[in-house]
């Protein structure tokens, strides 16, 4: 399918990042696989007979270590948090690798406006768009929650929906106490 000459016109692609030559096929496939699981969870979470099974299926998801978030802190996190941080990292690295420089500049300026909340004490610097490997848990949690808002008009169609769905699934799974 043609992407109309625009390497970032996700709305006309069959799958996420289809037109983005900057994202390796293996990474595109990983994003699609993870996104499918997030969608399955969201579709089932309001159906009492399917919700628990869908949550277990999502929380058992293993992210390809090549694309997963590697924590710098030795302090253990709940498995749900580890998974959500890795999904956010996968999505963010895939997204920023496809954005043109003007969109990266816009995203950078939007990031510095995100206020501190949760456990995050240090603000975004804006450099995260060019150095996603420097992201920490607190900033990734913020991206998980607000990425769908930060990327409005910078990404389209399925990619924006992917971020919004991550925010919804992430917020509900992050806050539920795990035993």
C-alpha atoms as a PDB file:
ATOM      1  CA  UNK A   1       0.000   0.000   0.000  1.00  0.00           C
ATOM      2  CA  UNK A   2       1.313   3.427  -0.869  1.00  0.00           C
ATOM      3  CA  UNK A   3       1.982   5.926   1.863  1.00  0.00           C
ATOM      4  CA  UNK A   4       1.441   8.837  -0.508  1.00  0.00           C
ATOM      5  CA  UNK A   5       5.106   9.767  -0.429  1.00  0.00           C
ATOM      6  CA  UNK A   6       4.876  10.812   3.214  1.00  0.00           C
ATOM      7  CA  UNK A   7       6.941   8.519   5.415  1.00  0.00           C
ATOM      8  CA  UNK A   8       4.882   9.458   8.453  1.00  0.00           C
ATOM      9  CA  UNK A   9       1.333   9.177   7.106  1.00  0.00           C
ATOM     10  CA  UNK A  10       0.286   6.390   9.448  1.00  0.00           C
ATOM     11  CA  UNK A  11      -3.408   6.922   8.741  1.00  0.00           C
ATOM     12  CA  UNK A  12      -3.108   5.280   5.318  1.00  0.00           C
ATOM     13  CA  UNK A  13      -0.960   2.377   6.452  1.00  0.00           C
ATOM     14  CA  UNK A  14      -2.335  -1.094   7.136  1.00  0.00           C
ATOM     15  CA  UNK A  15      -0.373  -1.442  10.351  1.00  0.00           C
ATOM     16  CA  UNK A  16       1.558   0.723  12.751  1.00  0.00           C
ATOM     17  CA  UNK A  17       4.680   2.358  11.316  1.00  0.00           C
ATOM     18  CA  UNK A  18       4.088   0.626   7.964  1.00  0.00           C
ATOM     19  CA  UNK A  19       5.413   3.624   6.041  1.00  0.00           C
ATOM     20  CA  UNK A  20       8.268   4.340   8.418  1.00  0.00           C
ATOM     21  CA  UNK A  21      11.472   3.068   6.874  1.00  0.00           C
ATOM     22  CA  UNK A  22      13.334   4.310   9.971  1.00  0.00           C
ATOM     23  CA  UNK A  23      11.768   1.563  12.098  1.00  0.00           C
ATOM     24  CA  UNK A  24      13.129  -1.944  11.431  1.00  0.00           C
ATOM     25  CA  UNK A  25      10.543  -4.569  10.393  1.00  0.00           C
ATOM     26  CA  UNK A  26      11.227  -6.600  13.549  1.00  0.00           C
ATOM     27  CA  UNK A  27      10.484  -3.552  15.720  1.00  0.00           C
ATOM     28  CA  UNK A  28       7.317  -2.756  13.745  1.00  0.00           C
ATOM     29  CA  UNK A  29       6.156  -6.329  14.290  1.00  0.00           C
ATOM     30  CA  UNK A  30       6.886  -6.066  18.016  1.00  0.00           C
ATOM     31  CA  UNK A  31       4.896  -2.829  18.277  1.00  0.00           C
ATOM     32  CA  UNK A  32       1.970  -4.433  16.448  1.00  0.00           C
ATOM     33  CA  UNK A  33       2.076  -7.568  18.630  1.00  0.00           C
ATOM     34  CA  UNK A  34       2.117  -5.522  21.841  1.00  0.00           C
ATOM     35  CA  UNK A  35      -0.572  -3.154  20.595  1.00  0.00           C
ATOM     36  CA  UNK A  36      -2.842  -6.100  19.763  1.00  0.00           C
ATOM     37  CA  UNK A  37      -2.529  -7.348  23.375  1.00  0.00           C
ATOM     38  CA  UNK A  38      -3.295  -3.886  24.769  1.00  0.00           C
ATOM     39  CA  UNK A  39      -6.373  -3.684  22.542  1.00  0.00           C
ATOM     40  CA  UNK A  40      -7.515  -7.155  23.639  1.00  0.00           C
ATOM     41  CA  UNK A  41      -7.231  -6.055  27.257  1.00  0.00           C
ATOM     42  CA  UNK A  42      -9.181  -2.846  26.675  1.00  0.00           C
ATOM     43  CA  UNK A  43     -11.944  -4.639  24.796  1.00  0.00           C
ATOM     44  CA  UNK A  44     -12.372  -7.210  27.562  1.00  0.00           C
ATOM     45  CA  UNK A  45     -11.826  -5.138  30.702  1.00  0.00           C
ATOM     46  CA  UNK A  46     -15.497  -4.157  30.970  1.00  0.00           C
ATOM     47  CA  UNK A  47     -16.777  -7.707  30.489  1.00  0.00           C
ATOM     48  CA  UNK A  48     -16.761  -9.402  33.875  1.00  0.00           C
ATOM     49  CA  UNK A  49     -16.295 -12.899  32.476  1.00  0.00           C
ATOM     50  CA  UNK A  50     -13.341 -11.879  30.273  1.00  0.00           C
ATOM     51  CA  UNK A  51     -11.645  -9.103  32.256  1.00  0.00           C
ATOM     52  CA  UNK A  52      -9.474 -11.208  34.557  1.00  0.00           C
ATOM     53  CA  UNK A  53      -8.278 -13.434  31.729  1.00  0.00           C
ATOM     54  CA  UNK A  54      -7.506 -10.434  29.514  1.00  0.00           C
ATOM     55  CA  UNK A  55      -5.551  -8.764  32.305  1.00  0.00           C
ATOM     56  CA  UNK A  56      -3.546 -11.940  32.919  1.00  0.00           C
ATOM     57  CA  UNK A  57      -2.834 -12.264  29.204  1.00  0.00           C
ATOM     58  CA  UNK A  58      -1.573  -8.702  28.979  1.00  0.00           C
ATOM     59  CA  UNK A  59       0.510  -8.948  32.148  1.00  0.00           C
ATOM     60  CA  UNK A  60       2.130 -12.165  30.913  1.00  0.00           C
ATOM     61  CA  UNK A  61       3.293 -10.427  27.744  1.00  0.00           C
ATOM     62  CA  UNK A  62       7.045 -10.533  27.230  1.00  0.00           C
ATOM     63  CA  UNK A  63       8.634  -7.641  25.353  1.00  0.00           C
ATOM     64  CA  UNK A  64      11.533  -8.519  23.091  1.00  0.00           C
ATOM     65  CA  UNK A  65      14.571  -7.559  25.232  1.00  0.00           C
ATOM     66  CA  UNK A  66      16.024  -5.729  22.245  1.00  0.00           C
ATOM     67  CA  UNK A  67      13.206  -3.156  22.540  1.00  0.00           C
ATOM     68  CA  UNK A  68      12.415  -3.334  26.255  1.00  0.00           C
ATOM     69  CA  UNK A  69      13.230  -0.703  28.838  1.00  0.00           C
ATOM     70  CA  UNK A  70      16.340  -1.457  30.863  1.00  0.00           C
ATOM     71  CA  UNK A  71      16.122  -0.038  34.352  1.00  0.00           C
ATOM     72  CA  UNK A  72      19.097   1.652  35.939  1.00  0.00           C
ATOM     73  CA  UNK A  73      17.758   1.291  39.482  1.00  0.00           C
ATOM     74  CA  UNK A  74      18.167  -1.991  41.386  1.00  0.00           C
ATOM     75  CA  UNK A  75      14.929  -1.360  43.306  1.00  0.00           C
ATOM     76  CA  UNK A  76      12.359  -3.907  42.138  1.00  0.00           C
ATOM     77  CA  UNK A  77       9.102  -2.752  40.613  1.00  0.00           C
ATOM     78  CA  UNK A  78       5.811  -4.611  40.380  1.00  0.00           C
ATOM     79  CA  UNK A  79       5.747  -6.738  37.204  1.00  0.00           C
ATOM     80  CA  UNK A  80       2.859  -4.669  35.806  1.00  0.00           C
ATOM     81  CA  UNK A  81       4.970  -1.527  36.106  1.00  0.00           C
ATOM     82  CA  UNK A  82       7.964  -3.205  34.440  1.00  0.00           C
ATOM     83  CA  UNK A  83       5.771  -4.270  31.523  1.00  0.00           C
ATOM     84  CA  UNK A  84       4.095  -0.885  31.113  1.00  0.00           C
ATOM     85  CA  UNK A  85       7.436   0.921  31.178  1.00  0.00           C
ATOM     86  CA  UNK A  86       8.766  -1.407  28.483  1.00  0.00           C
ATOM     87  CA  UNK A  87       5.680  -0.912  26.321  1.00  0.00           C
ATOM     88  CA  UNK A  88       6.042   2.852  26.693  1.00  0.00           C
ATOM     89  CA  UNK A  89       9.733   2.684  25.824  1.00  0.00           C
ATOM     90  CA  UNK A  90       9.012   0.532  22.756  1.00  0.00           C
ATOM     91  CA  UNK A  91       6.308   2.911  21.563  1.00  0.00           C
ATOM     92  CA  UNK A  92       8.375   6.042  22.269  1.00  0.00           C
ATOM     93  CA  UNK A  93      11.536   4.844  20.527  1.00  0.00           C
ATOM     94  CA  UNK A  94       9.469   3.753  17.538  1.00  0.00           C
ATOM     95  CA  UNK A  95       7.582   7.040  17.403  1.00  0.00           C
ATOM     96  CA  UNK A  96      10.521   9.428  17.744  1.00  0.00           C
ATOM     97  CA  UNK A  97      12.515   7.540  15.123  1.00  0.00           C
ATOM     98  CA  UNK A  98       9.844   8.398  12.548  1.00  0.00           C
ATOM     99  CA  UNK A  99       9.155  12.035  13.371  1.00  0.00           C
ATOM    100  CA  UNK A 100      10.618  14.774  11.189  1.00  0.00           C
ATOM    101  CA  UNK A 101      12.844  17.316  12.937  1.00  0.00           C
ATOM    102  CA  UNK A 102      10.057  19.916  13.150  1.00  0.00           C
ATOM    103  CA  UNK A 103       7.784  17.437  14.953  1.00  0.00           C
ATOM    104  CA  UNK A 104      10.636  16.414  17.268  1.00  0.00           C
ATOM    105  CA  UNK A 105      11.117  20.081  18.177  1.00  0.00           C
ATOM    106  CA  UNK A 106       7.396  20.425  18.912  1.00  0.00           C
ATOM    107  CA  UNK A 107       7.376  17.255  21.001  1.00  0.00           C
ATOM    108  CA  UNK A 108      10.459  18.435  22.873  1.00  0.00           C
ATOM    109  CA  UNK A 109       8.801  21.741  23.768  1.00  0.00           C
ATOM    110  CA  UNK A 110       5.632  19.925  24.849  1.00  0.00           C
ATOM    111  CA  UNK A 111       7.599  17.550  27.067  1.00  0.00           C
ATOM    112  CA  UNK A 112       9.161  20.354  29.105  1.00  0.00           C
ATOM    113  CA  UNK A 113       5.647  21.618  29.896  1.00  0.00           C
ATOM    114  CA  UNK A 114       4.558  18.331  31.517  1.00  0.00           C
ATOM    115  CA  UNK A 115       4.242  18.999  35.259  1.00  0.00           C
ATOM    116  CA  UNK A 116       5.635  16.652  37.874  1.00  0.00           C
ATOM    117  CA  UNK A 117       3.227  14.089  39.256  1.00  0.00           C
ATOM    118  CA  UNK A 118       3.398  10.642  40.744  1.00  0.00           C
ATOM    119  CA  UNK A 119       6.909   9.725  41.801  1.00  0.00           C
ATOM    120  CA  UNK A 120       8.532  11.939  39.178  1.00  0.00           C
ATOM    121  CA  UNK A 121      10.466  14.774  40.737  1.00  0.00           C
ATOM    122  CA  UNK A 122      12.750  15.839  37.913  1.00  0.00           C
ATOM    123  CA  UNK A 123      11.151  17.494  34.910  1.00  0.00           C
ATOM    124  CA  UNK A 124      11.582  16.536  31.292  1.00  0.00           C
ATOM    125  CA  UNK A 125      14.423  18.382  29.602  1.00  0.00           C
ATOM    126  CA  UNK A 126      13.203  17.971  26.038  1.00  0.00           C
ATOM    127  CA  UNK A 127      16.362  16.039  25.141  1.00  0.00           C
ATOM    128  CA  UNK A 128      14.453  12.783  25.569  1.00  0.00           C
ATOM    129  CA  UNK A 129      13.305  12.954  21.942  1.00  0.00           C
ATOM    130  CA  UNK A 130      16.878  12.475  20.727  1.00  0.00           C
ATOM    131  CA  UNK A 131      18.126  10.364  23.635  1.00  0.00           C
ATOM    132  CA  UNK A 132      15.271   8.033  24.650  1.00  0.00           C
ATOM    133  CA  UNK A 133      17.797   5.669  26.229  1.00  0.00           C
ATOM    134  CA  UNK A 134      18.248   8.297  28.978  1.00  0.00           C
ATOM    135  CA  UNK A 135      14.613   8.016  30.087  1.00  0.00           C
ATOM    136  CA  UNK A 136      14.039   6.795  33.624  1.00  0.00           C
ATOM    137  CA  UNK A 137      11.045   5.064  35.195  1.00  0.00           C
ATOM    138  CA  UNK A 138       9.396   8.280  36.330  1.00  0.00           C
ATOM    139  CA  UNK A 139       9.527   9.946  32.932  1.00  0.00           C
ATOM    140  CA  UNK A 140       8.334   6.788  31.196  1.00  0.00           C
ATOM    141  CA  UNK A 141       5.385   6.606  33.586  1.00  0.00           C
ATOM    142  CA  UNK A 142       4.539  10.187  32.617  1.00  0.00           C
ATOM    143  CA  UNK A 143       4.834   9.372  28.917  1.00  0.00           C
ATOM    144  CA  UNK A 144       2.575   6.367  29.394  1.00  0.00           C
ATOM    145  CA  UNK A 145      -0.082   8.589  30.914  1.00  0.00           C
ATOM    146  CA  UNK A 146       0.135  11.673  28.673  1.00  0.00           C
ATOM    147  CA  UNK A 147       1.779  10.501  25.445  1.00  0.00           C
ATOM    148  CA  UNK A 148      -1.564  10.466  23.651  1.00  0.00           C
ATOM    149  CA  UNK A 149      -1.971  14.171  24.417  1.00  0.00           C
ATOM    150  CA  UNK A 150       1.613  15.180  23.645  1.00  0.00           C
ATOM    151  CA  UNK A 151       1.490  13.587  20.215  1.00  0.00           C
ATOM    152  CA  UNK A 152      -1.738  15.193  18.956  1.00  0.00           C
ATOM    153  CA  UNK A 153      -1.144  16.566  15.453  1.00  0.00           C
ATOM    154  CA  UNK A 154       2.333  14.983  15.404  1.00  0.00           C
ATOM    155  CA  UNK A 155       1.189  11.431  14.670  1.00  0.00           C
ATOM    156  CA  UNK A 156      -1.988  10.220  13.023  1.00  0.00           C
ATOM    157  CA  UNK A 157      -4.543   7.454  12.957  1.00  0.00           C
ATOM    158  CA  UNK A 158      -3.548   4.151  14.461  1.00  0.00           C
ATOM    159  CA  UNK A 159      -0.368   5.483  16.010  1.00  0.00           C
ATOM    160  CA  UNK A 160      -2.193   8.165  17.996  1.00  0.00           C
ATOM    161  CA  UNK A 161      -4.838   5.617  18.999  1.00  0.00           C
ATOM    162  CA  UNK A 162      -2.051   3.278  20.136  1.00  0.00           C
ATOM    163  CA  UNK A 163      -0.782   5.962  22.528  1.00  0.00           C
ATOM    164  CA  UNK A 164      -4.268   6.764  23.822  1.00  0.00           C
ATOM    165  CA  UNK A 165      -4.963   3.088  24.446  1.00  0.00           C
ATOM    166  CA  UNK A 166      -1.664   2.722  26.283  1.00  0.00           C
ATOM    167  CA  UNK A 167      -2.629   5.641  28.517  1.00  0.00           C
ATOM    168  CA  UNK A 168      -5.982   4.062  29.318  1.00  0.00           C
ATOM    169  CA  UNK A 169      -4.669   0.546  29.898  1.00  0.00           C
ATOM    170  CA  UNK A 170      -1.602   1.804  31.716  1.00  0.00           C
ATOM    171  CA  UNK A 171      -3.505   4.033  34.094  1.00  0.00           C
ATOM    172  CA  UNK A 172      -5.879   1.265  35.108  1.00  0.00           C
ATOM    173  CA  UNK A 173      -3.174  -1.396  35.485  1.00  0.00           C
ATOM    174  CA  UNK A 174      -0.679   0.892  37.230  1.00  0.00           C
ATOM    175  CA  UNK A 175      -3.020   1.859  40.034  1.00  0.00           C
ATOM    176  CA  UNK A 176      -4.446  -1.567  40.860  1.00  0.00           C
ATOM    177  CA  UNK A 177      -2.671  -3.015  43.894  1.00  0.00           C
ATOM    178  CA  UNK A 178      -1.071  -6.369  43.149  1.00  0.00           C
ATOM    179  CA  UNK A 179      -0.696  -9.093  45.728  1.00  0.00           C
END
